[in-house]
């Protein structure tokens, strides 16, 4: 987290949103790979990665909104 200390919430939020999207895509690929190979563990890990990506993306949107509110109120 040390590399994020000097980023504002908006910048960090954008990065988290993009990372969340990337995790969703990677999770979908992992899930499909599990389905094709019949590996239910890989499939489940892919679904979990997608869910984590959705949470990360949502948190990024919240950070961006908070940054906008703070900027609008000159805080």
PDB file of N, CA and C in Angstrom:
ATOM      1  N   UNK A   1       0.821  -1.197   0.000  1.00  0.00           N
ATOM      2  CA  UNK A   1       0.000   0.000   0.000  1.00  0.00           C
ATOM      3  C   UNK A   1       0.856   1.249   0.000  1.00  0.00           C
ATOM      4  N   UNK A   2       2.127   1.127   0.271  1.00  0.00           N
ATOM      5  CA  UNK A   2       3.005   2.275   0.334  1.00  0.00           C
ATOM      6  C   UNK A   2       3.035   3.043  -0.987  1.00  0.00           C
ATOM      7  N   UNK A   3       2.915   2.350  -2.113  1.00  0.00           N
ATOM      8  CA  UNK A   3       2.948   3.035  -3.395  1.00  0.00           C
ATOM      9  C   UNK A   3       1.665   3.809  -3.672  1.00  0.00           C
ATOM     10  N   UNK A   4       0.614   3.595  -2.902  1.00  0.00           N
ATOM     11  CA  UNK A   4      -0.659   4.286  -3.091  1.00  0.00           C
ATOM     12  C   UNK A   4      -0.819   5.484  -2.165  1.00  0.00           C
ATOM     13  N   UNK A   5       0.141   5.712  -1.273  1.00  0.00           N
ATOM     14  CA  UNK A   5      -0.005   6.749  -0.264  1.00  0.00           C
ATOM     15  C   UNK A   5      -0.129   8.148  -0.844  1.00  0.00           C
ATOM     16  N   UNK A   6       0.487   8.410  -1.980  1.00  0.00           N
ATOM     17  CA  UNK A   6       0.448   9.754  -2.530  1.00  0.00           C
ATOM     18  C   UNK A   6      -0.556   9.899  -3.677  1.00  0.00           C
ATOM     19  N   UNK A   7      -1.481   8.993  -3.821  1.00  0.00           N
ATOM     20  CA  UNK A   7      -2.519   9.067  -4.854  1.00  0.00           C
ATOM     21  C   UNK A   7      -3.809   9.564  -4.212  1.00  0.00           C
ATOM     22  N   UNK A   8      -4.548  10.404  -4.950  1.00  0.00           N
ATOM     23  CA  UNK A   8      -5.840  10.819  -4.421  1.00  0.00           C
ATOM     24  C   UNK A   8      -6.858   9.696  -4.617  1.00  0.00           C
ATOM     25  N   UNK A   9      -7.998   9.849  -3.959  1.00  0.00           N
ATOM     26  CA  UNK A   9      -9.015   8.799  -4.017  1.00  0.00           C
ATOM     27  C   UNK A   9      -9.510   8.543  -5.430  1.00  0.00           C
ATOM     28  N   UNK A  10      -9.603   9.587  -6.220  1.00  0.00           N
ATOM     29  CA  UNK A  10     -10.090   9.420  -7.585  1.00  0.00           C
ATOM     30  C   UNK A  10      -9.155   8.565  -8.425  1.00  0.00           C
ATOM     31  N   UNK A  11      -7.864   8.849  -8.312  1.00  0.00           N
ATOM     32  CA  UNK A  11      -6.874   8.075  -9.059  1.00  0.00           C
ATOM     33  C   UNK A  11      -6.846   6.635  -8.577  1.00  0.00           C
ATOM     34  N   UNK A  12      -6.814   6.465  -7.275  1.00  0.00           N
ATOM     35  CA  UNK A  12      -6.798   5.112  -6.714  1.00  0.00           C
ATOM     36  C   UNK A  12      -8.084   4.366  -7.079  1.00  0.00           C
ATOM     37  N   UNK A  13      -9.202   5.083  -7.071  1.00  0.00           N
ATOM     38  CA  UNK A  13     -10.478   4.478  -7.436  1.00  0.00           C
ATOM     39  C   UNK A  13     -10.504   3.989  -8.869  1.00  0.00           C
ATOM     40  N   UNK A  14      -9.942   4.795  -9.775  1.00  0.00           N
ATOM     41  CA  UNK A  14      -9.884   4.386 -11.183  1.00  0.00           C
ATOM     42  C   UNK A  14      -9.047   3.130 -11.331  1.00  0.00           C
ATOM     43  N   UNK A  15      -7.903   3.108 -10.635  1.00  0.00           N
ATOM     44  CA  UNK A  15      -7.034   1.930 -10.706  1.00  0.00           C
ATOM     45  C   UNK A  15      -7.736   0.695 -10.152  1.00  0.00           C
ATOM     46  N   UNK A  16      -8.419   0.854  -9.015  1.00  0.00           N
ATOM     47  CA  UNK A  16      -9.126  -0.286  -8.424  1.00  0.00           C
ATOM     48  C   UNK A  16     -10.245  -0.778  -9.334  1.00  0.00           C
ATOM     49  N   UNK A  17     -10.945   0.152  -9.973  1.00  0.00           N
ATOM     50  CA  UNK A  17     -12.011  -0.238 -10.902  1.00  0.00           C
ATOM     51  C   UNK A  17     -11.450  -1.048 -12.070  1.00  0.00           C
ATOM     52  N   UNK A  18     -10.340  -0.582 -12.619  1.00  0.00           N
ATOM     53  CA  UNK A  18      -9.723  -1.296 -13.748  1.00  0.00           C
ATOM     54  C   UNK A  18      -9.186  -2.663 -13.319  1.00  0.00           C
ATOM     55  N   UNK A  19      -8.558  -2.721 -12.160  1.00  0.00           N
ATOM     56  CA  UNK A  19      -8.047  -3.996 -11.652  1.00  0.00           C
ATOM     57  C   UNK A  19      -9.209  -4.960 -11.389  1.00  0.00           C
ATOM     58  N   UNK A  20     -10.314  -4.422 -10.888  1.00  0.00           N
ATOM     59  CA  UNK A  20     -11.492  -5.247 -10.647  1.00  0.00           C
ATOM     60  C   UNK A  20     -12.035  -5.833 -11.938  1.00  0.00           C
ATOM     61  N   UNK A  21     -12.098  -4.998 -12.974  1.00  0.00           N
ATOM     62  CA  UNK A  21     -12.558  -5.477 -14.286  1.00  0.00           C
ATOM     63  C   UNK A  21     -11.626  -6.577 -14.803  1.00  0.00           C
ATOM     64  N   UNK A  22     -10.317  -6.353 -14.647  1.00  0.00           N
ATOM     65  CA  UNK A  22      -9.336  -7.340 -15.107  1.00  0.00           C
ATOM     66  C   UNK A  22      -9.508  -8.658 -14.363  1.00  0.00           C
ATOM     67  N   UNK A  23      -9.756  -8.582 -13.059  1.00  0.00           N
ATOM     68  CA  UNK A  23      -9.964  -9.804 -12.274  1.00  0.00           C
ATOM     69  C   UNK A  23     -11.240 -10.522 -12.696  1.00  0.00           C
ATOM     70  N   UNK A  24     -12.259  -9.766 -13.070  1.00  0.00           N
ATOM     71  CA  UNK A  24     -13.491 -10.392 -13.550  1.00  0.00           C
ATOM     72  C   UNK A  24     -13.238 -11.156 -14.855  1.00  0.00           C
ATOM     73  N   UNK A  25     -12.498 -10.552 -15.752  1.00  0.00           N
ATOM     74  CA  UNK A  25     -12.194 -11.200 -17.032  1.00  0.00           C
ATOM     75  C   UNK A  25     -11.333 -12.442 -16.795  1.00  0.00           C
ATOM     76  N   UNK A  26     -10.296 -12.291 -15.965  1.00  0.00           N
ATOM     77  CA  UNK A  26      -9.422 -13.429 -15.675  1.00  0.00           C
ATOM     78  C   UNK A  26     -10.205 -14.552 -14.998  1.00  0.00           C
ATOM     79  N   UNK A  27     -11.126 -14.185 -14.122  1.00  0.00           N
ATOM     80  CA  UNK A  27     -11.956 -15.177 -13.446  1.00  0.00           C
ATOM     81  C   UNK A  27     -12.865 -15.912 -14.418  1.00  0.00           C
ATOM     82  N   UNK A  28     -13.393 -15.189 -15.384  1.00  0.00           N
ATOM     83  CA  UNK A  28     -14.262 -15.806 -16.391  1.00  0.00           C
ATOM     84  C   UNK A  28     -13.466 -16.812 -17.224  1.00  0.00           C
ATOM     85  N   UNK A  29     -12.249 -16.432 -17.599  1.00  0.00           N
ATOM     86  CA  UNK A  29     -11.385 -17.343 -18.361  1.00  0.00           C
ATOM     87  C   UNK A  29     -11.071 -18.580 -17.518  1.00  0.00           C
ATOM     88  N   UNK A  30     -10.739 -18.361 -16.249  1.00  0.00           N
ATOM     89  CA  UNK A  30     -10.427 -19.476 -15.350  1.00  0.00           C
ATOM     90  C   UNK A  30     -11.639 -20.388 -15.175  1.00  0.00           C
ATOM     91  N   UNK A  31     -12.818 -19.787 -15.025  1.00  0.00           N
ATOM     92  CA  UNK A  31     -14.044 -20.582 -14.888  1.00  0.00           C
ATOM     93  C   UNK A  31     -14.269 -21.446 -16.133  1.00  0.00           C
ATOM     94  N   UNK A  32     -14.136 -20.835 -17.319  1.00  0.00           N
ATOM     95  CA  UNK A  32     -14.339 -21.578 -18.567  1.00  0.00           C
ATOM     96  C   UNK A  32     -13.304 -22.684 -18.727  1.00  0.00           C
ATOM     97  N   UNK A  33     -12.068 -22.411 -18.330  1.00  0.00           N
ATOM     98  CA  UNK A  33     -11.029 -23.436 -18.407  1.00  0.00           C
ATOM     99  C   UNK A  33     -11.393 -24.621 -17.517  1.00  0.00           C
ATOM    100  N   UNK A  34     -11.929 -24.325 -16.342  1.00  0.00           N
ATOM    101  CA  UNK A  34     -12.368 -25.390 -15.445  1.00  0.00           C
ATOM    102  C   UNK A  34     -13.505 -26.195 -16.033  1.00  0.00           C
ATOM    103  N   UNK A  35     -14.429 -25.512 -16.703  1.00  0.00           N
ATOM    104  CA  UNK A  35     -15.554 -26.211 -17.329  1.00  0.00           C
ATOM    105  C   UNK A  35     -15.073 -27.117 -18.457  1.00  0.00           C
ATOM    106  N   UNK A  36     -14.173 -26.605 -19.290  1.00  0.00           N
ATOM    107  CA  UNK A  36     -13.679 -27.370 -20.438  1.00  0.00           C
ATOM    108  C   UNK A  36     -12.901 -28.603 -19.987  1.00  0.00           C
ATOM    109  N   UNK A  37     -12.115 -28.434 -18.926  1.00  0.00           N
ATOM    110  CA  UNK A  37     -11.274 -29.553 -18.464  1.00  0.00           C
ATOM    111  C   UNK A  37     -11.991 -30.441 -17.458  1.00  0.00           C
ATOM    112  N   UNK A  38     -13.169 -30.022 -17.024  1.00  0.00           N
ATOM    113  CA  UNK A  38     -13.900 -30.794 -16.026  1.00  0.00           C
ATOM    114  C   UNK A  38     -13.336 -30.634 -14.625  1.00  0.00           C
ATOM    115  N   UNK A  39     -12.537 -29.589 -14.420  1.00  0.00           N
ATOM    116  CA  UNK A  39     -11.919 -29.339 -13.117  1.00  0.00           C
ATOM    117  C   UNK A  39     -12.808 -28.382 -12.332  1.00  0.00           C
ATOM    118  N   UNK A  40     -13.606 -28.928 -11.418  1.00  0.00           N
ATOM    119  CA  UNK A  40     -14.559 -28.109 -10.670  1.00  0.00           C
ATOM    120  C   UNK A  40     -13.866 -27.135  -9.711  1.00  0.00           C
ATOM    121  N   UNK A  41     -12.675 -27.496  -9.246  1.00  0.00           N
ATOM    122  CA  UNK A  41     -11.945 -26.583  -8.344  1.00  0.00           C
ATOM    123  C   UNK A  41     -11.510 -25.322  -9.094  1.00  0.00           C
ATOM    124  N   UNK A  42     -10.995 -25.501 -10.297  1.00  0.00           N
ATOM    125  CA  UNK A  42     -10.589 -24.351 -11.114  1.00  0.00           C
ATOM    126  C   UNK A  42     -11.803 -23.505 -11.475  1.00  0.00           C
ATOM    127  N   UNK A  43     -12.891 -24.169 -11.791  1.00  0.00           N
ATOM    128  CA  UNK A  43     -14.128 -23.455 -12.119  1.00  0.00           C
ATOM    129  C   UNK A  43     -14.596 -22.614 -10.932  1.00  0.00           C
ATOM    130  N   UNK A  44     -14.569 -23.194  -9.744  1.00  0.00           N
ATOM    131  CA  UNK A  44     -14.996 -22.475  -8.537  1.00  0.00           C
ATOM    132  C   UNK A  44     -14.061 -21.302  -8.230  1.00  0.00           C
ATOM    133  N   UNK A  45     -12.756 -21.520  -8.421  1.00  0.00           N
ATOM    134  CA  UNK A  45     -11.799 -20.432  -8.194  1.00  0.00           C
ATOM    135  C   UNK A  45     -12.051 -19.288  -9.172  1.00  0.00           C
ATOM    136  N   UNK A  46     -12.409 -19.612 -10.390  1.00  0.00           N
ATOM    137  CA  UNK A  46     -12.721 -18.591 -11.381  1.00  0.00           C
ATOM    138  C   UNK A  46     -13.942 -17.778 -10.985  1.00  0.00           C
ATOM    139  N   UNK A  47     -14.964 -18.458 -10.490  1.00  0.00           N
ATOM    140  CA  UNK A  47     -16.169 -17.748 -10.036  1.00  0.00           C
ATOM    141  C   UNK A  47     -15.851 -16.844  -8.852  1.00  0.00           C
ATOM    142  N   UNK A  48     -15.016 -17.338  -7.944  1.00  0.00           N
ATOM    143  CA  UNK A  48     -14.630 -16.537  -6.780  1.00  0.00           C
ATOM    144  C   UNK A  48     -13.817 -15.317  -7.214  1.00  0.00           C
ATOM    145  N   UNK A  49     -12.956 -15.499  -8.182  1.00  0.00           N
ATOM    146  CA  UNK A  49     -12.142 -14.378  -8.682  1.00  0.00           C
ATOM    147  C   UNK A  49     -13.026 -13.326  -9.343  1.00  0.00           C
ATOM    148  N   UNK A  50     -14.053 -13.777 -10.056  1.00  0.00           N
ATOM    149  CA  UNK A  50     -15.000 -12.839 -10.666  1.00  0.00           C
ATOM    150  C   UNK A  50     -15.723 -12.028  -9.597  1.00  0.00           C
ATOM    151  N   UNK A  51     -16.162 -12.712  -8.545  1.00  0.00           N
ATOM    152  CA  UNK A  51     -16.867 -12.033  -7.458  1.00  0.00           C
ATOM    153  C   UNK A  51     -15.958 -11.013  -6.783  1.00  0.00           C
ATOM    154  N   UNK A  52     -14.714 -11.403  -6.540  1.00  0.00           N
ATOM    155  CA  UNK A  52     -13.757 -10.473  -5.945  1.00  0.00           C
ATOM    156  C   UNK A  52     -13.516  -9.270  -6.833  1.00  0.00           C
ATOM    157  N   UNK A  53     -13.471  -9.503  -8.128  1.00  0.00           N
ATOM    158  CA  UNK A  53     -13.295  -8.410  -9.075  1.00  0.00           C
ATOM    159  C   UNK A  53     -14.457  -7.442  -9.062  1.00  0.00           C
ATOM    160  N   UNK A  54     -15.664  -7.970  -8.920  1.00  0.00           N
ATOM    161  CA  UNK A  54     -16.848  -7.096  -8.850  1.00  0.00           C
ATOM    162  C   UNK A  54     -16.798  -6.227  -7.598  1.00  0.00           C
ATOM    163  N   UNK A  55     -16.381  -6.813  -6.486  1.00  0.00           N
ATOM    164  CA  UNK A  55     -16.262  -6.050  -5.243  1.00  0.00           C
ATOM    165  C   UNK A  55     -15.195  -4.967  -5.398  1.00  0.00           C
ATOM    166  N   UNK A  56     -14.052  -5.334  -5.974  1.00  0.00           N
ATOM    167  CA  UNK A  56     -12.959  -4.383  -6.165  1.00  0.00           C
ATOM    168  C   UNK A  56     -13.389  -3.247  -7.092  1.00  0.00           C
ATOM    169  N   UNK A  57     -14.090  -3.583  -8.147  1.00  0.00           N
ATOM    170  CA  UNK A  57     -14.569  -2.554  -9.074  1.00  0.00           C
ATOM    171  C   UNK A  57     -15.538  -1.608  -8.360  1.00  0.00           C
ATOM    172  N   UNK A  58     -16.452  -2.186  -7.576  1.00  0.00           N
ATOM    173  CA  UNK A  58     -17.410  -1.360  -6.836  1.00  0.00           C
ATOM    174  C   UNK A  58     -16.722  -0.446  -5.842  1.00  0.00           C
ATOM    175  N   UNK A  59     -15.719  -0.951  -5.149  1.00  0.00           N
ATOM    176  CA  UNK A  59     -14.969  -0.131  -4.191  1.00  0.00           C
ATOM    177  C   UNK A  59     -14.278   1.015  -4.921  1.00  0.00           C
ATOM    178  N   UNK A  60     -13.779   0.736  -6.106  1.00  0.00           N
ATOM    179  CA  UNK A  60     -13.138   1.785  -6.891  1.00  0.00           C
ATOM    180  C   UNK A  60     -14.113   2.888  -7.260  1.00  0.00           C
ATOM    181  N   UNK A  61     -15.328   2.515  -7.611  1.00  0.00           N
ATOM    182  CA  UNK A  61     -16.351   3.516  -7.933  1.00  0.00           C
ATOM    183  C   UNK A  61     -16.692   4.353  -6.699  1.00  0.00           C
ATOM    184  N   UNK A  62     -16.762   3.725  -5.545  1.00  0.00           N
ATOM    185  CA  UNK A  62     -17.048   4.451  -4.305  1.00  0.00           C
ATOM    186  C   UNK A  62     -15.923   5.448  -4.020  1.00  0.00           C
ATOM    187  N   UNK A  63     -14.681   5.014  -4.200  1.00  0.00           N
ATOM    188  CA  UNK A  63     -13.543   5.917  -3.974  1.00  0.00           C
ATOM    189  C   UNK A  63     -13.613   7.122  -4.908  1.00  0.00           C
ATOM    190  N   UNK A  64     -13.964   6.887  -6.153  1.00  0.00           N
ATOM    191  CA  UNK A  64     -14.062   7.988  -7.112  1.00  0.00           C
ATOM    192  C   UNK A  64     -15.166   8.965  -6.713  1.00  0.00           C
ATOM    193  N   UNK A  65     -16.308   8.428  -6.288  1.00  0.00           N
ATOM    194  CA  UNK A  65     -17.417   9.293  -5.870  1.00  0.00           C
ATOM    195  C   UNK A  65     -17.049  10.093  -4.631  1.00  0.00           C
ATOM    196  N   UNK A  66     -16.382   9.451  -3.682  1.00  0.00           N
ATOM    197  CA  UNK A  66     -15.954  10.155  -2.471  1.00  0.00           C
ATOM    198  C   UNK A  66     -14.987  11.277  -2.828  1.00  0.00           C
ATOM    199  N   UNK A  67     -14.076  11.014  -3.747  1.00  0.00           N
ATOM    200  CA  UNK A  67     -13.127  12.035  -4.175  1.00  0.00           C
ATOM    201  C   UNK A  67     -13.860  13.215  -4.808  1.00  0.00           C
ATOM    202  N   UNK A  68     -14.874  12.916  -5.638  1.00  0.00           N
ATOM    203  CA  UNK A  68     -15.649  13.993  -6.268  1.00  0.00           C
ATOM    204  C   UNK A  68     -16.378  14.832  -5.234  1.00  0.00           C
ATOM    205  N   UNK A  69     -16.959  14.193  -4.226  1.00  0.00           N
ATOM    206  CA  UNK A  69     -17.673  14.916  -3.176  1.00  0.00           C
ATOM    207  C   UNK A  69     -16.701  15.807  -2.405  1.00  0.00           C
ATOM    208  N   UNK A  70     -15.538  15.256  -2.069  1.00  0.00           N
ATOM    209  CA  UNK A  70     -14.540  16.039  -1.336  1.00  0.00           C
ATOM    210  C   UNK A  70     -14.073  17.236  -2.154  1.00  0.00           C
ATOM    211  N   UNK A  71     -13.862  17.037  -3.451  1.00  0.00           N
ATOM    212  CA  UNK A  71     -13.431  18.132  -4.315  1.00  0.00           C
ATOM    213  C   UNK A  71     -14.539  19.181  -4.457  1.00  0.00           C
ATOM    214  N   UNK A  72     -15.780  18.733  -4.587  1.00  0.00           N
ATOM    215  CA  UNK A  72     -16.913  19.656  -4.731  1.00  0.00           C
ATOM    216  C   UNK A  72     -17.096  20.520  -3.488  1.00  0.00           C
ATOM    217  N   UNK A  73     -16.734  19.971  -2.327  1.00  0.00           N
ATOM    218  CA  UNK A  73     -16.886  20.685  -1.063  1.00  0.00           C
ATOM    219  C   UNK A  73     -15.581  21.335  -0.614  1.00  0.00           C
ATOM    220  N   UNK A  74     -14.593  21.352  -1.499  1.00  0.00           N
ATOM    221  CA  UNK A  74     -13.287  21.946  -1.210  1.00  0.00           C
ATOM    222  C   UNK A  74     -12.664  21.431   0.062  1.00  0.00           C
ATOM    223  N   UNK A  75     -12.768  20.122   0.274  1.00  0.00           N
ATOM    224  CA  UNK A  75     -12.186  19.509   1.468  1.00  0.00           C
ATOM    225  C   UNK A  75     -10.829  18.947   1.138  1.00  0.00           C
TER     226      UNK A  75
END
